[in-house]
Amino acid sequence: MIDLKLLESVADERLGQFAEYADDHELFPLFHEMLRQLLIHKPKDPLLWMAEFMEKRPLPSIIVVAPPTANETGLCKTLAAAMNAVHVSTTSLLQVAIERKTSLGMQALPAFSQHQLVPDRIMTELLMLRLAQPDVQERGFVLEGYPRTRDQALALQRKGIVASNVLILDWPASALLDQAAHQFIDPVTNRAYDVRVHTEIDADVRARLTQKMSLTEVMVQDRLTAYHRHLPGILDTLKMHVRIPVPHLPGAGVLASATGERALESAGLEPVLDAIAQTLKVRLPSAGATTHRVLLCGGSKEVQGRLGEMMEAHFQLVFASPHRLFAEEVSRHGPRAAKFAAALAGKSTIPDTEIAQLLHDRLQQPDAARHGWVLTATDDGWTPALLDKFASLGVRPSRVLVVAHDSEHWGADEVSNPGWQTVIQERFHAPMHPFFVKGSTRPPTGGKLQTVVVDADEPVDQVVERVRQVLLRPVEYYVPRMY
């Protein structure tokens, strides 16, 4: 809902345009983020800082958290390349610092050589030095290996590092233990092998293969125990995180080189990359206001009407439909009362042009512009012709709820009114949410389709909560395919 104090000088007939402009250009998230960064950096000249901030493009700041021995390096590099960001690995930072015998490297060496957690102060200083480099400042980063504790996560926040995305990769412990048990290294060439996959190894090489001390069952189990002990604190600190399950696939532990980077093509991790790509399409919700403009499609008119009335009562949205507008005109004996009464009785039909104009006029009223609206179509549903005429009048929804009786009937309206989904996406560019009133099976989804599963037997308050979650769901934006 729009803050009315912002609109005191805006004419009633322009309220809808104001709301659409603010939502389309993401003004509330923009100023919310700018204020947050302003308070973090505390510049001496706030106006100059804000001017420079507005000229910068948003940079990715992605944190990847994974259990020890998961070998997520290759995945993080692929992600960084797709986002044109810098891959930052704390393990690599430590290795370089130790090799160069820097002050921080020498302080970290005792813990690092014993495969123990390096003190937080050392890790944080190393990381902040890297994040301050020009390439990271210009391109953003994908961070691997940090934080590993709640204190480290808090240290990031104290330093003003706020992640745009936090990805928690969930590998089954049994898969990690099995993977570690089959990984060996050639001490002569320093080449890593997974004996489940590298079956044709020279006899002399096989004879000298040894298991790394850090990959013994006892060491891996100890490190996993420590990881799961610290994980709840990390999740509690980095609240806007997404957990992504990683399937246990044969060959998922293949090491591509002496550096221990995973060969993604052999590991079969494409589904994980796809899940990450879908996650990165989601813009986090801001604390700013928004005006919901919801289009209900599909399903029966009774179900649509019930949902519309529910959203009107609980979310203070203006509920508009041709049926309701016809009835209001009849009840007040307006100039089109006779025509609309005949349409309500099923004795005549109203042209799409007139229906579209009627809906448009209702949605331009100040209450709809201020509070937002939810809209249903005629008994025939949203035909492509009606949607085209509606879009041509400049009315655009911010959300589309697709109502289906169950998963088997998903797409039934697309069959009876072919093309309406295409028209919605092409004309309105609005995310679509299949919304089920019965059944629990998710339909096939793709593109901008998002699923909300609701059972018909649920109490009304639970259904309302499901709809609320849809309205709070952020809008998608495009990211490139990562493999």
Protein backbone atom coordinates (compact mmCIF):
# COMPACT_ATOMS: atom_id res chain seq x y z
CA MET A 1 0.00 0.00 0.00
CA ILE A 2 1.29 3.47 -0.86
CA ASP A 3 2.27 5.90 1.88
CA LEU A 4 -0.36 8.62 1.43
CA LYS A 5 1.96 11.29 2.85
CA LEU A 6 4.06 10.88 -0.29
CA LEU A 7 1.05 11.56 -2.48
CA GLU A 8 -0.48 14.70 -0.97
CA SER A 9 0.53 16.76 -3.99
CA VAL A 10 -0.46 14.12 -6.57
CA ALA A 11 -3.80 14.49 -8.32
CA ASP A 12 -6.21 11.59 -7.82
CA GLU A 13 -6.25 10.68 -11.49
CA ARG A 14 -2.46 10.28 -11.46
CA LEU A 15 -2.15 8.10 -8.38
CA GLY A 16 -2.14 4.92 -10.43
CA GLN A 17 0.61 6.24 -12.69
CA PHE A 18 2.64 7.25 -9.66
CA ALA A 19 2.37 3.78 -8.12
CA GLU A 20 3.23 2.00 -11.37
CA TYR A 21 6.24 4.22 -11.95
CA ALA A 22 7.55 3.64 -8.43
CA ASP A 23 7.12 -0.13 -8.74
CA ASP A 24 8.45 -0.39 -12.30
CA HIS A 25 11.63 1.52 -11.47
CA GLU A 26 11.99 -0.12 -8.03
CA LEU A 27 12.23 3.24 -6.31
CA PHE A 28 11.47 1.96 -2.83
CA PRO A 29 14.15 -0.81 -2.94
CA LEU A 30 16.59 1.67 -4.49
CA PHE A 31 16.24 4.26 -1.74
CA HIS A 32 16.03 1.59 0.95
CA GLU A 33 19.39 0.15 -0.17
CA MET A 34 20.93 3.60 -0.56
CA LEU A 35 19.91 4.55 2.99
CA ARG A 36 21.32 1.28 4.34
CA GLN A 37 24.66 1.78 2.60
CA LEU A 38 24.73 5.43 3.67
CA LEU A 39 24.43 4.44 7.33
CA ILE A 40 27.10 1.74 6.90
CA HIS A 41 29.69 3.99 5.22
CA LYS A 42 28.85 7.25 7.06
CA PRO A 43 30.48 9.50 4.42
CA LYS A 44 31.51 13.03 5.33
CA ASP A 45 29.56 14.39 2.37
CA PRO A 46 26.29 12.41 2.16
CA LEU A 47 25.00 14.27 -0.92
CA LEU A 48 28.16 13.62 -2.93
CA TRP A 49 28.20 10.00 -1.81
CA MET A 50 24.55 9.53 -2.85
CA ALA A 51 25.24 11.06 -6.26
CA GLU A 52 28.09 8.61 -6.81
CA PHE A 53 25.99 5.73 -5.49
CA MET A 54 23.25 6.44 -8.03
CA GLU A 55 25.77 6.21 -10.89
CA LYS A 56 26.98 2.74 -9.91
CA ARG A 57 25.35 -0.44 -11.12
CA PRO A 58 24.33 -2.99 -8.45
CA LEU A 59 27.17 -5.44 -7.90
CA PRO A 60 26.75 -9.10 -6.92
CA SER A 61 27.94 -9.91 -3.40
CA ILE A 62 27.25 -13.63 -3.15
CA ILE A 63 28.25 -15.83 -0.23
CA VAL A 64 28.40 -19.60 -0.77
CA VAL A 65 28.34 -21.75 2.37
CA ALA A 66 29.09 -25.45 1.97
CA PRO A 67 30.27 -28.28 4.24
CA PRO A 68 33.97 -29.17 4.40
CA THR A 69 35.33 -31.43 1.63
CA ALA A 70 32.43 -30.43 -0.64
CA ASN A 71 34.92 -29.05 -3.19
CA GLU A 72 32.61 -26.25 -4.26
CA THR A 73 35.44 -24.27 -5.87
CA GLY A 74 34.56 -25.16 -9.45
CA LEU A 75 30.91 -24.35 -8.84
CA CYS A 76 31.81 -20.97 -7.33
CA LYS A 77 34.13 -20.15 -10.26
CA THR A 78 31.37 -21.00 -12.74
CA LEU A 79 28.96 -18.79 -10.82
CA ALA A 80 31.45 -15.92 -10.67
CA ALA A 81 32.12 -16.16 -14.40
CA ALA A 82 28.39 -16.08 -15.16
CA MET A 83 27.93 -12.97 -13.02
CA ASN A 84 31.18 -11.34 -14.23
CA ALA A 85 32.20 -11.21 -10.57
CA VAL A 86 35.48 -12.03 -8.81
CA HIS A 87 35.80 -15.46 -7.21
CA VAL A 88 37.21 -15.03 -3.70
CA SER A 89 38.32 -18.18 -1.86
CA THR A 90 39.54 -17.86 1.71
CA THR A 91 41.51 -21.09 1.33
CA SER A 92 43.41 -19.57 -1.61
CA LEU A 93 43.94 -16.35 0.33
CA LEU A 94 45.46 -18.33 3.19
CA GLN A 95 47.67 -20.39 0.90
CA VAL A 96 49.01 -17.29 -0.86
CA ALA A 97 49.61 -15.49 2.44
CA ILE A 98 51.50 -18.49 3.81
CA GLU A 99 53.55 -18.96 0.65
CA ARG A 100 54.54 -15.28 0.68
CA LYS A 101 55.25 -15.48 4.43
CA THR A 102 53.22 -12.38 5.16
CA SER A 103 52.53 -11.40 8.75
CA LEU A 104 48.94 -12.71 8.57
CA GLY A 105 50.09 -15.85 6.76
CA MET A 106 52.60 -16.71 9.48
CA GLN A 107 49.97 -16.12 12.16
CA ALA A 108 47.57 -18.47 10.35
CA LEU A 109 50.11 -21.22 9.62
CA PRO A 110 49.85 -23.23 12.88
CA ALA A 111 46.07 -23.65 12.65
CA PHE A 112 46.10 -24.10 8.85
CA SER A 113 48.71 -26.87 8.94
CA GLN A 114 46.63 -28.77 11.52
CA HIS A 115 43.42 -28.40 9.45
CA GLN A 116 41.87 -26.30 12.20
CA LEU A 117 39.85 -23.10 11.99
CA VAL A 118 42.11 -20.08 11.59
CA PRO A 119 41.37 -17.36 14.20
CA ASP A 120 38.56 -15.07 13.09
CA ARG A 121 40.66 -11.91 13.35
CA ILE A 122 43.22 -13.22 10.86
CA MET A 123 40.59 -14.49 8.42
CA THR A 124 38.62 -11.26 8.55
CA GLU A 125 41.70 -9.10 7.95
CA LEU A 126 42.79 -11.27 5.00
CA LEU A 127 39.33 -11.15 3.49
CA MET A 128 38.84 -7.42 3.91
CA LEU A 129 42.17 -6.74 2.22
CA ARG A 130 41.01 -8.78 -0.78
CA LEU A 131 37.53 -7.25 -0.94
CA ALA A 132 39.08 -3.78 -0.97
CA GLN A 133 40.96 -4.51 -4.20
CA PRO A 134 39.84 -2.57 -7.32
CA ASP A 135 38.63 -5.64 -9.27
CA VAL A 136 36.22 -6.61 -6.49
CA GLN A 137 35.06 -3.02 -6.07
CA GLU A 138 34.29 -2.80 -9.78
CA ARG A 139 32.76 -6.27 -10.38
CA GLY A 140 31.48 -7.65 -7.08
CA PHE A 141 32.35 -11.06 -5.67
CA VAL A 142 31.41 -14.68 -5.07
CA LEU A 143 32.81 -15.63 -1.67
CA GLU A 144 33.74 -19.23 -0.86
CA GLY A 145 34.83 -20.58 2.52
CA TYR A 146 33.64 -17.72 4.71
CA PRO A 147 31.92 -17.37 7.09
CA ARG A 148 32.43 -20.66 8.93
CA THR A 149 31.19 -19.40 12.30
CA ARG A 150 28.56 -17.01 13.63
CA ASP A 151 31.30 -14.64 14.82
CA GLN A 152 32.72 -14.51 11.30
CA ALA A 153 29.27 -13.74 9.90
CA LEU A 154 28.88 -10.93 12.43
CA ALA A 155 32.37 -9.66 11.56
CA LEU A 156 31.28 -9.32 7.91
CA GLN A 157 28.29 -7.23 8.94
CA ARG A 158 30.39 -5.02 11.22
CA LYS A 159 32.70 -4.34 8.29
CA GLY A 160 29.73 -3.27 6.17
CA ILE A 161 29.71 -6.35 3.92
CA VAL A 162 26.06 -7.09 3.14
CA ALA A 163 25.46 -10.06 0.83
CA SER A 164 23.05 -9.75 -2.05
CA ASN A 165 22.57 -13.54 -1.90
CA VAL A 166 23.53 -16.24 0.58
CA LEU A 167 23.52 -19.78 -0.83
CA ILE A 168 23.65 -22.72 1.57
CA LEU A 169 24.64 -25.89 -0.31
CA ASP A 170 23.35 -28.98 1.49
CA TRP A 171 25.40 -32.08 0.74
CA PRO A 172 24.39 -35.30 2.54
CA ALA A 173 27.05 -36.23 5.11
CA SER A 174 27.08 -39.80 3.82
CA ALA A 175 27.89 -38.53 0.32
CA LEU A 176 30.78 -36.42 1.59
CA LEU A 177 32.24 -39.30 3.59
CA ASP A 178 31.89 -41.65 0.64
CA GLN A 179 33.47 -39.09 -1.65
CA ALA A 180 36.44 -38.53 0.67
CA ALA A 181 37.03 -42.28 1.02
CA HIS A 182 37.64 -42.61 -2.72
CA GLN A 183 39.88 -39.60 -3.24
CA PHE A 184 43.63 -40.09 -3.39
CA ILE A 185 46.60 -38.03 -4.46
CA ASP A 186 49.81 -38.88 -6.30
CA PRO A 187 52.63 -37.44 -4.14
CA VAL A 188 54.94 -37.26 -7.16
CA THR A 189 52.70 -35.23 -9.52
CA ASN A 190 50.33 -33.84 -6.88
CA ARG A 191 47.47 -34.97 -9.14
CA ALA A 192 44.21 -35.93 -7.43
CA TYR A 193 42.23 -39.05 -8.39
CA ASP A 194 38.79 -40.43 -7.63
CA VAL A 195 39.27 -44.19 -7.90
CA ARG A 196 35.57 -44.71 -8.62
CA VAL A 197 35.93 -42.84 -11.88
CA HIS A 198 39.64 -43.01 -12.73
CA THR A 199 39.66 -46.78 -13.22
CA GLU A 200 42.47 -46.88 -15.78
CA ILE A 201 45.34 -45.68 -13.62
CA ASP A 202 48.89 -46.78 -14.36
CA ALA A 203 49.96 -49.55 -11.97
CA ASP A 204 53.01 -47.62 -10.74
CA VAL A 205 50.86 -44.53 -10.10
CA ARG A 206 48.20 -46.56 -8.31
CA ALA A 207 50.83 -48.13 -6.07
CA ARG A 208 52.01 -44.78 -4.76
CA LEU A 209 48.57 -43.16 -4.32
CA THR A 210 47.96 -41.94 -0.79
CA GLN A 211 44.98 -40.45 0.96
CA LYS A 212 45.31 -36.88 2.12
CA MET A 213 45.36 -36.54 5.90
CA SER A 214 42.51 -34.04 5.70
CA LEU A 215 40.31 -36.64 3.94
CA THR A 216 40.56 -39.51 6.41
CA GLU A 217 37.20 -40.60 7.78
CA VAL A 218 37.99 -39.34 11.27
CA MET A 219 39.13 -35.92 10.01
CA VAL A 220 36.14 -35.52 7.69
CA GLN A 221 33.69 -36.54 10.40
CA ASP A 222 35.25 -34.10 12.88
CA ARG A 223 35.09 -31.26 10.36
CA LEU A 224 31.47 -32.07 9.48
CA THR A 225 30.55 -32.09 13.16
CA ALA A 226 32.12 -28.68 13.62
CA TYR A 227 30.38 -27.36 10.50
CA HIS A 228 26.92 -28.45 11.64
CA ARG A 229 27.61 -27.06 15.12
CA HIS A 230 28.32 -23.61 13.67
CA LEU A 231 25.74 -23.63 10.86
CA PRO A 232 22.68 -22.57 12.93
CA GLY A 233 24.52 -19.46 14.13
CA ILE A 234 25.50 -18.58 10.56
CA LEU A 235 21.92 -19.01 9.33
CA ASP A 236 20.57 -16.93 12.19
CA THR A 237 22.95 -14.10 11.29
CA LEU A 238 22.60 -14.31 7.50
CA LYS A 239 18.82 -14.47 7.63
CA MET A 240 18.10 -13.92 3.91
CA HIS A 241 19.61 -17.24 2.83
CA VAL A 242 18.47 -19.97 0.48
CA ARG A 243 19.23 -23.65 1.08
CA ILE A 244 19.96 -25.65 -2.07
CA PRO A 245 20.13 -29.46 -1.82
CA VAL A 246 22.93 -31.14 -3.74
CA PRO A 247 22.09 -34.62 -5.06
CA HIS A 248 24.45 -37.49 -4.32
CA LEU A 249 25.42 -38.47 -7.85
CA PRO A 250 27.94 -41.10 -8.97
CA GLY A 251 31.22 -39.42 -9.72
CA ALA A 252 30.29 -36.26 -7.85
CA GLY A 253 33.71 -36.27 -6.23
CA VAL A 254 35.78 -36.19 -9.40
CA LEU A 255 38.75 -33.85 -9.00
CA ALA A 256 39.81 -32.22 -12.22
CA SER A 257 43.34 -31.18 -11.40
CA ALA A 258 46.11 -31.02 -8.86
CA THR A 259 44.48 -27.95 -7.36
CA GLY A 260 41.44 -29.98 -6.40
CA GLU A 261 38.88 -28.16 -8.50
CA ARG A 262 35.76 -30.07 -9.33
CA ALA A 263 35.05 -31.03 -12.93
CA LEU A 264 31.47 -29.81 -13.17
CA GLU A 265 30.73 -31.63 -16.39
CA SER A 266 31.69 -34.95 -14.81
CA ALA A 267 30.18 -34.19 -11.44
CA GLY A 268 26.66 -33.88 -12.78
CA LEU A 269 26.00 -30.67 -10.88
CA GLU A 270 24.02 -28.97 -13.64
CA PRO A 271 20.79 -29.22 -11.57
CA VAL A 272 22.52 -27.41 -8.73
CA LEU A 273 23.68 -24.63 -11.04
CA ASP A 274 20.16 -24.38 -12.44
CA ALA A 275 18.76 -24.08 -8.90
CA ILE A 276 21.29 -21.33 -8.15
CA ALA A 277 20.35 -19.52 -11.37
CA GLN A 278 16.68 -19.60 -10.35
CA THR A 279 17.58 -18.34 -6.87
CA LEU A 280 19.54 -15.41 -8.27
CA LYS A 281 16.53 -14.37 -10.33
CA VAL A 282 14.70 -13.41 -7.16
CA ARG A 283 15.00 -9.84 -5.95
CA LEU A 284 14.84 -9.61 -2.18
CA PRO A 285 11.77 -7.82 -0.82
CA SER A 286 12.41 -4.33 0.50
CA ALA A 287 10.94 -2.60 3.51
CA GLY A 288 9.45 -0.02 1.17
CA ALA A 289 5.83 0.23 0.18
CA THR A 290 4.39 -1.41 -2.90
CA THR A 291 1.01 -1.38 -4.59
CA HIS A 292 -0.31 -4.83 -5.45
CA ARG A 293 -2.13 -5.08 -8.76
CA VAL A 294 -3.27 -8.68 -8.98
CA LEU A 295 -4.82 -10.44 -11.97
CA LEU A 296 -6.71 -13.67 -11.22
CA CYS A 297 -6.80 -16.15 -14.11
CA GLY A 298 -8.18 -19.62 -14.67
CA GLY A 299 -10.44 -21.73 -12.50
CA SER A 300 -14.17 -21.27 -12.00
CA LYS A 301 -15.80 -17.87 -11.51
CA GLU A 302 -16.96 -19.04 -8.06
CA VAL A 303 -13.38 -19.76 -6.94
CA GLN A 304 -12.11 -16.51 -8.43
CA GLY A 305 -14.88 -14.58 -6.72
CA ARG A 306 -14.15 -16.20 -3.36
CA LEU A 307 -10.44 -15.45 -3.63
CA GLY A 308 -11.12 -11.88 -4.77
CA GLU A 309 -13.44 -11.20 -1.83
CA MET A 310 -10.92 -12.79 0.55
CA MET A 311 -8.08 -10.59 -0.71
CA GLU A 312 -10.34 -7.53 -0.55
CA ALA A 313 -11.26 -8.22 3.07
CA HIS A 314 -7.83 -9.20 4.37
CA PHE A 315 -5.47 -7.04 2.27
CA GLN A 316 -7.70 -3.98 1.67
CA LEU A 317 -7.33 -4.40 -2.10
CA VAL A 318 -10.12 -3.16 -4.33
CA PHE A 319 -11.83 -6.19 -5.87
CA ALA A 320 -13.14 -5.54 -9.37
CA SER A 321 -14.77 -7.86 -11.88
CA PRO A 322 -17.14 -7.40 -14.83
CA HIS A 323 -19.87 -9.24 -12.92
CA ARG A 324 -19.51 -6.95 -9.89
CA LEU A 325 -19.39 -3.77 -12.00
CA PHE A 326 -22.44 -4.87 -13.98
CA ALA A 327 -24.34 -5.51 -10.75
CA GLU A 328 -23.33 -2.11 -9.29
CA GLU A 329 -24.56 -0.32 -12.44
CA VAL A 330 -27.88 -2.18 -12.24
CA SER A 331 -28.35 -1.48 -8.54
CA ARG A 332 -27.88 2.28 -8.96
CA HIS A 333 -30.06 2.35 -12.11
CA GLY A 334 -27.28 3.83 -14.23
CA PRO A 335 -27.54 4.57 -17.96
CA ARG A 336 -26.31 1.09 -18.88
CA ALA A 337 -28.38 -0.76 -16.29
CA ALA A 338 -30.67 -2.49 -18.81
CA LYS A 339 -27.77 -3.64 -20.99
CA PHE A 340 -25.81 -4.99 -18.03
CA ALA A 341 -28.91 -6.66 -16.53
CA ALA A 342 -29.36 -8.56 -19.78
CA ALA A 343 -25.71 -9.60 -19.69
CA LEU A 344 -26.05 -10.81 -16.09
CA ALA A 345 -29.10 -12.85 -17.12
CA GLY A 346 -27.14 -14.42 -19.95
CA LYS A 347 -29.38 -12.88 -22.62
CA SER A 348 -26.64 -10.79 -24.26
CA THR A 349 -22.89 -10.22 -24.25
CA ILE A 350 -20.83 -7.09 -23.76
CA PRO A 351 -18.04 -6.39 -26.28
CA ASP A 352 -14.47 -6.84 -25.07
CA THR A 353 -13.74 -3.20 -25.81
CA GLU A 354 -16.49 -2.01 -23.47
CA ILE A 355 -15.55 -4.47 -20.73
CA ALA A 356 -11.88 -3.43 -20.91
CA GLN A 357 -12.82 0.24 -20.71
CA LEU A 358 -15.19 -0.43 -17.78
CA LEU A 359 -12.47 -2.23 -15.83
CA HIS A 360 -9.91 0.43 -16.70
CA ASP A 361 -12.18 3.22 -15.45
CA ARG A 362 -12.78 1.40 -12.16
CA LEU A 363 -9.08 0.82 -11.56
CA GLN A 364 -8.32 4.50 -12.14
CA GLN A 365 -10.45 5.49 -9.13
CA PRO A 366 -8.44 6.88 -6.17
CA ASP A 367 -9.20 3.94 -3.84
CA ALA A 368 -7.81 1.42 -6.33
CA ALA A 369 -4.77 3.61 -7.04
CA ARG A 370 -4.03 4.05 -3.33
CA HIS A 371 -4.69 0.55 -2.03
CA GLY A 372 -4.08 -1.65 -5.07
CA TRP A 373 -6.54 -4.02 -6.71
CA VAL A 374 -7.42 -7.61 -7.53
CA LEU A 375 -9.19 -8.25 -10.81
CA THR A 376 -11.08 -11.17 -12.36
CA ALA A 377 -12.36 -11.59 -15.91
CA THR A 378 -15.67 -12.49 -17.50
CA ASP A 379 -17.28 -15.92 -17.36
CA ASP A 380 -15.29 -16.77 -20.48
CA GLY A 381 -12.02 -15.96 -18.75
CA TRP A 382 -9.19 -13.78 -19.96
CA THR A 383 -9.23 -14.24 -23.71
CA PRO A 384 -6.21 -12.94 -25.64
CA ALA A 385 -8.45 -10.33 -27.31
CA LEU A 386 -9.70 -9.01 -23.96
CA LEU A 387 -6.19 -8.95 -22.51
CA ASP A 388 -4.88 -7.09 -25.55
CA LYS A 389 -7.55 -4.41 -25.22
CA PHE A 390 -6.99 -4.18 -21.48
CA ALA A 391 -3.23 -3.79 -21.95
CA SER A 392 -3.69 -1.17 -24.67
CA LEU A 393 -5.41 1.06 -22.09
CA GLY A 394 -2.21 1.11 -20.02
CA VAL A 395 -3.37 -1.00 -17.05
CA ARG A 396 -0.67 -3.43 -15.96
CA PRO A 397 -0.79 -6.01 -13.16
CA SER A 398 2.20 -6.61 -10.91
CA ARG A 399 1.13 -10.18 -10.07
CA VAL A 400 -0.82 -12.93 -11.82
CA LEU A 401 -2.43 -15.72 -9.80
CA VAL A 402 -3.36 -18.73 -11.94
CA VAL A 403 -6.18 -20.68 -10.29
CA ALA A 404 -6.55 -24.39 -11.13
CA HIS A 405 -8.83 -26.98 -9.59
CA ASP A 406 -5.94 -29.43 -9.29
CA SER A 407 -2.69 -30.35 -10.96
CA GLU A 408 -4.46 -32.48 -13.58
CA HIS A 409 -6.44 -29.45 -14.73
CA TRP A 410 -3.36 -27.22 -14.89
CA GLY A 411 -3.36 -25.59 -18.29
CA ALA A 412 -7.04 -26.35 -18.97
CA ASP A 413 -7.75 -22.66 -19.50
CA GLU A 414 -4.83 -22.47 -21.88
CA VAL A 415 -6.61 -25.11 -23.95
CA SER A 416 -9.98 -23.37 -23.91
CA ASN A 417 -8.47 -19.92 -24.39
CA PRO A 418 -5.19 -20.60 -26.17
CA GLY A 419 -2.58 -17.88 -25.89
CA TRP A 420 -3.68 -16.05 -22.76
CA GLN A 421 -0.53 -16.98 -20.80
CA THR A 422 1.64 -15.76 -23.67
CA VAL A 423 -0.29 -12.50 -23.86
CA ILE A 424 0.10 -11.93 -20.12
CA GLN A 425 3.84 -12.42 -20.21
CA GLU A 426 4.37 -10.43 -23.41
CA ARG A 427 2.02 -7.53 -22.61
CA PHE A 428 2.31 -7.25 -18.85
CA HIS A 429 5.72 -8.79 -18.05
CA ALA A 430 4.22 -9.97 -14.77
CA PRO A 431 5.38 -13.03 -12.80
CA MET A 432 2.81 -15.83 -12.85
CA HIS A 433 1.93 -17.92 -9.82
CA PRO A 434 -0.02 -21.17 -10.31
CA PHE A 435 -2.35 -21.14 -7.31
CA PHE A 436 -4.04 -24.43 -6.40
CA VAL A 437 -7.33 -24.66 -4.57
CA LYS A 438 -7.24 -28.46 -4.39
CA GLY A 439 -4.55 -31.10 -4.51
CA SER A 440 -0.91 -31.00 -3.49
CA THR A 441 1.00 -31.94 -6.64
CA ARG A 442 3.06 -29.19 -8.18
CA PRO A 443 2.50 -28.68 -11.92
CA PRO A 444 5.32 -28.52 -14.43
CA THR A 445 6.82 -25.06 -14.25
CA GLY A 446 9.18 -23.03 -16.35
CA GLY A 447 10.12 -19.50 -17.23
CA LYS A 448 8.35 -17.14 -14.85
CA LEU A 449 5.91 -19.71 -13.48
CA GLN A 450 6.01 -20.01 -9.70
CA THR A 451 3.99 -22.47 -7.67
CA VAL A 452 1.88 -21.99 -4.58
CA VAL A 453 0.13 -25.19 -3.50
CA VAL A 454 -3.06 -24.79 -1.49
CA ASP A 455 -5.47 -27.48 -0.40
CA ALA A 456 -9.21 -26.83 -0.69
CA ASP A 457 -9.84 -28.18 2.80
CA GLU A 458 -7.56 -25.68 4.49
CA PRO A 459 -9.16 -23.08 6.77
CA VAL A 460 -9.69 -19.66 5.25
CA ASP A 461 -6.97 -18.07 7.38
CA GLN A 462 -4.40 -20.53 6.04
CA VAL A 463 -5.43 -19.80 2.46
CA VAL A 464 -5.14 -16.08 3.19
CA GLU A 465 -1.64 -16.66 4.52
CA ARG A 466 -0.68 -18.48 1.30
CA VAL A 467 -1.92 -15.54 -0.75
CA ARG A 468 -0.04 -13.13 1.50
CA GLN A 469 3.16 -15.05 0.86
CA VAL A 470 2.55 -14.73 -2.88
CA LEU A 471 2.08 -10.98 -2.59
CA LEU A 472 5.29 -10.70 -0.59
CA ARG A 473 7.21 -12.82 -3.10
CA PRO A 474 9.80 -10.71 -4.91
CA VAL A 475 9.73 -10.10 -8.64
CA GLU A 476 12.09 -12.06 -10.88
CA TYR A 477 14.82 -10.56 -13.00
CA TYR A 478 16.98 -12.16 -15.68
CA VAL A 479 20.35 -13.82 -15.06
CA PRO A 480 22.30 -15.75 -17.72
CA ARG A 481 22.34 -19.53 -17.83
CA MET A 482 25.47 -20.69 -16.03
CA TYR A 483 26.37 -23.85 -17.93
